[in-house]
Amino acid sequence: MAKTIAIHSFRGGTGKSNTTANLACLLAGMGRRVGIVDTDLQSPGIHVLFGLDAKGPGYALNDFLWGKCEVTRAAYDVTAAAESSSGGRLFLIPASIRAGDIARVLHYGYDVNLLKEGYHRLIGDLSLDFLFVDTHPGLNEETLLSIAISDILLILLRPDHQDYQGTSVTVEISRQLEVPRTCLVLNKVPENFDRAALAAKVSAAYDCKVVGVLNHEDQMMTLASSGIFVIRYPDHPLSSEFKSIVREVGQ
């Protein structure tokens, strides 16, 4: 049975899109069929990591939500980015970066219930093993729906007091929505931090398992979203940590 994994953070800039892309590529490299949906319609960006032009003439998630196409028409095969030779496939459903489309979302919104329908169609029509949902930061109707229907919720946070407070709210909501599994990923952790002690402290504070501690890495900053980190630096310690997270969510 396919797993839906929502990647969320209470605040922006925590690395949701990079984390989503790296985990998805690793799973595709293991022979799995994987989909990614960019539901951050107000500030989309994950398409950049895959070299996809979200201003191009093709369809985007917005078009499905506005009744212009079937959701699978907005799914692009980006398997090449995962450099998979194991038979896995990777599909990306981007959000439009066109200014007019973003303005329309902000002004008129959309029928959020169509997202649930779209997720189910993607899983069925593309025979997916995993569907990743890259959410909009914070909490809104779309985010709550994505969290509610997910099998696994990965909450990203930085070692920052603002992130700690917002994460507390998100964890509580995930419990109210009875998400089967909620896990934490610490990101952009300074090198001089004691990773094990930090993970133990955060896990105890939220009564939630920490499945990954990702250091702040200059190579990630230098890459500047021009590619997938685990593909560019497969032997890097950060890539090993991404692989550890995949072992947790891919069970």
Protein backbone atom coordinates (compact mmCIF):
# COMPACT_ATOMS: atom_id res chain seq x y z
CA MET A 1 0.00 0.00 0.00
CA ALA A 2 1.27 3.47 -0.89
CA LYS A 3 2.43 5.83 1.85
CA THR A 4 1.63 9.53 1.87
CA ILE A 5 4.36 11.55 3.58
CA ALA A 6 3.75 15.20 4.39
CA ILE A 7 6.87 17.33 4.88
CA HIS A 8 6.02 20.35 6.99
CA SER A 9 7.47 23.15 9.07
CA PHE A 10 5.77 25.87 11.06
CA ARG A 11 8.13 28.52 9.69
CA GLY A 12 9.64 29.01 6.25
CA GLY A 13 13.29 28.54 5.40
CA THR A 14 13.72 25.26 7.24
CA GLY A 15 14.67 23.24 4.14
CA LYS A 16 11.40 21.40 3.41
CA SER A 17 11.85 21.31 -0.35
CA ASN A 18 15.47 20.18 -0.24
CA THR A 19 14.62 17.46 2.27
CA THR A 20 11.63 16.30 0.21
CA ALA A 21 13.67 16.15 -3.00
CA ASN A 22 16.55 14.25 -1.42
CA LEU A 23 14.36 11.66 0.29
CA ALA A 24 12.29 11.14 -2.86
CA CYS A 25 15.39 10.66 -5.03
CA LEU A 26 16.82 8.12 -2.62
CA LEU A 27 13.60 6.09 -2.68
CA ALA A 28 13.44 6.23 -6.48
CA GLY A 29 17.04 5.04 -6.52
CA MET A 30 15.91 2.04 -4.48
CA GLY A 31 13.47 1.05 -7.21
CA ARG A 32 10.34 2.68 -5.77
CA ARG A 33 7.75 4.68 -7.67
CA VAL A 34 7.61 8.08 -6.03
CA GLY A 35 5.55 11.24 -6.52
CA ILE A 36 6.09 14.75 -5.16
CA VAL A 37 3.34 17.37 -4.99
CA ASP A 38 4.29 21.01 -4.39
CA THR A 39 1.32 22.39 -2.46
CA ASP A 40 3.13 25.60 -1.52
CA LEU A 41 1.06 27.47 -4.09
CA GLN A 42 1.92 30.88 -2.65
CA SER A 43 5.69 30.41 -2.91
CA PRO A 44 6.53 27.33 -5.01
CA GLY A 45 10.12 26.29 -5.51
CA ILE A 46 10.86 22.56 -5.49
CA HIS A 47 10.72 22.47 -9.31
CA VAL A 48 14.03 24.39 -9.37
CA LEU A 49 15.84 21.44 -7.79
CA PHE A 50 14.76 19.26 -10.70
CA GLY A 51 15.51 21.80 -13.41
CA LEU A 52 11.83 22.11 -14.31
CA ASP A 53 10.42 25.35 -15.72
CA ALA A 54 7.19 26.02 -13.80
CA LYS A 55 6.55 29.03 -16.06
CA GLY A 56 6.55 26.82 -19.12
CA PRO A 57 3.59 25.94 -21.33
CA GLY A 58 2.75 22.73 -19.49
CA TYR A 59 0.21 22.16 -16.75
CA ALA A 60 0.77 22.68 -13.00
CA LEU A 61 -1.12 21.69 -9.85
CA ASN A 62 -2.98 25.00 -10.08
CA ASP A 63 -4.57 23.90 -13.37
CA PHE A 64 -5.97 20.75 -11.78
CA LEU A 65 -7.35 22.72 -8.83
CA TRP A 66 -9.06 25.11 -11.25
CA GLY A 67 -10.56 22.32 -13.35
CA LYS A 68 -8.35 22.80 -16.40
CA CYS A 69 -6.80 19.30 -16.50
CA GLU A 70 -6.57 15.93 -14.85
CA VAL A 71 -3.95 15.88 -12.11
CA THR A 72 -1.80 13.34 -13.96
CA ARG A 73 -1.43 15.84 -16.83
CA ALA A 74 0.51 18.00 -14.37
CA ALA A 75 2.85 15.13 -13.38
CA TYR A 76 6.32 15.30 -14.94
CA ASP A 77 8.73 12.40 -15.04
CA VAL A 78 11.93 13.66 -13.36
CA THR A 79 13.49 10.24 -12.87
CA ALA A 80 16.66 11.39 -14.61
CA ALA A 81 17.39 13.69 -11.66
CA ALA A 82 17.51 10.69 -9.35
CA GLU A 83 20.01 8.91 -11.63
CA SER A 84 18.15 5.70 -10.88
CA SER A 85 19.22 2.52 -12.63
CA SER A 86 17.07 0.27 -10.45
CA GLY A 87 13.77 0.73 -12.26
CA GLY A 88 12.41 3.34 -9.89
CA ARG A 89 10.42 6.31 -11.17
CA LEU A 90 10.06 9.82 -9.85
CA PHE A 91 7.23 12.22 -10.76
CA LEU A 92 6.88 15.87 -9.81
CA ILE A 93 3.63 17.81 -9.75
CA PRO A 94 4.82 21.44 -9.54
CA ALA A 95 2.93 24.55 -8.55
CA SER A 96 2.90 27.41 -11.03
CA ILE A 97 5.45 30.19 -10.60
CA ARG A 98 3.54 32.53 -12.91
CA ALA A 99 2.72 35.78 -11.11
CA GLY A 100 -0.89 35.74 -12.32
CA ASP A 101 -1.46 32.22 -11.01
CA ILE A 102 -0.01 33.04 -7.60
CA ALA A 103 -2.13 36.19 -7.42
CA ARG A 104 -5.24 34.17 -8.30
CA VAL A 105 -4.54 31.71 -5.47
CA LEU A 106 -4.05 34.52 -3.00
CA HIS A 107 -7.18 36.36 -4.10
CA TYR A 108 -9.67 33.61 -4.93
CA GLY A 109 -8.25 30.48 -3.30
CA TYR A 110 -9.38 27.06 -4.54
CA ASP A 111 -11.42 24.05 -3.49
CA VAL A 112 -9.06 22.43 -1.01
CA ASN A 113 -11.04 19.17 -1.10
CA LEU A 114 -9.77 18.64 -4.66
CA LEU A 115 -6.30 18.11 -3.19
CA LYS A 116 -7.42 14.93 -1.46
CA GLU A 117 -8.96 13.69 -4.70
CA GLY A 118 -5.77 14.59 -6.56
CA TYR A 119 -3.57 12.68 -4.13
CA HIS A 120 -5.67 9.53 -4.53
CA ARG A 121 -5.67 9.80 -8.33
CA LEU A 122 -1.90 10.23 -8.46
CA ILE A 123 -1.30 7.20 -6.27
CA GLY A 124 -3.64 5.07 -8.34
CA ASP A 125 -2.92 6.28 -11.86
CA LEU A 126 0.87 6.41 -11.42
CA SER A 127 1.02 3.23 -9.27
CA LEU A 128 3.01 5.07 -6.61
CA ASP A 129 4.69 3.51 -3.62
CA PHE A 130 5.25 6.88 -1.95
CA LEU A 131 3.64 10.28 -2.36
CA PHE A 132 5.48 13.24 -0.81
CA VAL A 133 3.55 16.43 -0.09
CA ASP A 134 5.75 19.53 0.19
CA THR A 135 3.48 21.80 2.23
CA HIS A 136 3.15 25.54 2.72
CA PRO A 137 4.74 26.65 6.04
CA GLY A 138 2.45 27.39 8.95
CA LEU A 139 -1.11 26.17 9.28
CA ASN A 140 -3.96 26.75 6.85
CA GLU A 141 -6.80 24.70 5.39
CA GLU A 142 -4.60 23.03 2.76
CA THR A 143 -1.92 22.18 5.30
CA LEU A 144 -4.41 20.69 7.74
CA LEU A 145 -5.87 18.50 4.99
CA SER A 146 -2.42 17.30 3.89
CA ILE A 147 -1.48 16.51 7.48
CA ALA A 148 -4.79 14.78 8.18
CA ILE A 149 -4.56 12.34 5.26
CA SER A 150 -0.84 11.58 5.62
CA ASP A 151 0.47 8.26 6.86
CA ILE A 152 3.66 9.93 8.06
CA LEU A 153 4.19 13.56 9.01
CA LEU A 154 7.81 14.76 9.00
CA ILE A 155 8.14 18.08 10.81
CA LEU A 156 11.31 20.04 10.09
CA LEU A 157 12.67 22.47 12.64
CA ARG A 158 15.87 24.33 13.29
CA PRO A 159 17.49 24.67 16.74
CA ASP A 160 15.75 28.01 17.21
CA HIS A 161 13.24 29.08 19.87
CA GLN A 162 10.74 30.36 17.30
CA ASP A 163 10.85 27.00 15.54
CA TYR A 164 10.48 25.18 18.87
CA GLN A 165 7.29 27.06 19.74
CA GLY A 166 5.72 26.61 16.30
CA THR A 167 6.62 22.92 16.21
CA SER A 168 4.82 22.42 19.50
CA VAL A 169 1.61 23.68 17.88
CA THR A 170 2.07 21.44 14.84
CA VAL A 171 2.74 18.32 16.92
CA GLU A 172 -0.37 18.96 19.00
CA ILE A 173 -2.51 19.37 15.88
CA SER A 174 -1.10 16.17 14.37
CA ARG A 175 -2.22 14.33 17.49
CA GLN A 176 -5.68 15.85 17.31
CA LEU A 177 -5.88 14.74 13.68
CA GLU A 178 -4.67 11.26 14.68
CA VAL A 179 -1.84 11.10 12.17
CA PRO A 180 -0.55 7.51 12.34
CA ARG A 181 3.09 8.55 12.66
CA THR A 182 4.67 11.94 13.38
CA CYS A 183 8.45 12.36 13.37
CA LEU A 184 10.87 15.27 13.71
CA VAL A 185 13.88 16.22 11.60
CA LEU A 186 16.33 18.79 12.94
CA ASN A 187 17.89 20.80 10.14
CA LYS A 188 20.65 23.40 9.75
CA VAL A 189 22.25 22.34 13.02
CA PRO A 190 25.61 24.08 13.69
CA GLU A 191 28.60 21.74 13.74
CA ASN A 192 29.53 22.61 17.32
CA PHE A 193 26.22 21.25 18.67
CA ASP A 194 26.10 17.86 20.38
CA ARG A 195 23.80 16.11 17.91
CA ALA A 196 22.85 13.21 20.18
CA ALA A 197 22.10 15.48 23.14
CA LEU A 198 20.06 17.86 20.96
CA ALA A 199 18.03 15.00 19.46
CA ALA A 200 17.34 13.55 22.91
CA LYS A 201 16.26 16.94 24.29
CA VAL A 202 13.92 17.68 21.38
CA SER A 203 12.46 14.17 21.38
CA ALA A 204 11.70 14.41 25.10
CA ALA A 205 10.20 17.90 24.77
CA TYR A 206 7.65 16.83 22.14
CA ASP A 207 7.37 13.13 23.02
CA CYS A 208 8.13 12.55 19.36
CA LYS A 209 10.89 10.58 17.65
CA VAL A 210 13.72 12.51 16.00
CA VAL A 211 14.56 10.56 12.85
CA GLY A 212 17.27 12.85 11.50
CA VAL A 213 19.73 15.55 12.52
CA LEU A 214 20.97 17.45 9.48
CA ASN A 215 23.99 19.70 9.95
CA HIS A 216 24.33 23.09 8.33
CA GLU A 217 26.64 22.35 5.39
CA ASP A 218 28.49 24.80 3.17
CA GLN A 219 28.17 22.38 0.24
CA MET A 220 24.38 22.55 0.48
CA MET A 221 24.51 26.34 0.46
CA THR A 222 26.96 26.36 -2.45
CA LEU A 223 24.76 23.99 -4.44
CA ALA A 224 22.09 26.73 -4.20
CA SER A 225 19.19 24.51 -5.30
CA SER A 226 20.91 23.70 -8.60
CA GLY A 227 20.67 19.97 -7.99
CA ILE A 228 19.98 17.15 -5.55
CA PHE A 229 22.52 16.92 -2.73
CA VAL A 230 22.50 13.12 -2.34
CA ILE A 231 23.13 12.73 -6.06
CA ARG A 232 25.90 15.33 -6.21
CA TYR A 233 27.58 14.23 -2.95
CA PRO A 234 26.58 10.58 -2.39
CA ASP A 235 29.34 9.87 0.14
CA HIS A 236 28.91 13.03 2.21
CA PRO A 237 27.88 12.62 5.89
CA LEU A 238 24.76 14.69 5.19
CA SER A 239 23.77 12.20 2.48
CA SER A 240 24.22 9.40 5.00
CA GLU A 241 21.80 11.18 7.32
CA PHE A 242 19.24 11.49 4.52
CA LYS A 243 19.62 7.75 3.92
CA SER A 244 19.01 7.13 7.61
CA ILE A 245 15.74 9.07 7.41
CA VAL A 246 14.70 7.03 4.36
CA ARG A 247 15.25 3.83 6.32
CA GLU A 248 12.86 5.18 8.95
CA VAL A 249 10.06 6.31 6.62
CA GLY A 250 10.48 3.59 4.02
CA GLN A 251 9.75 0.68 6.34
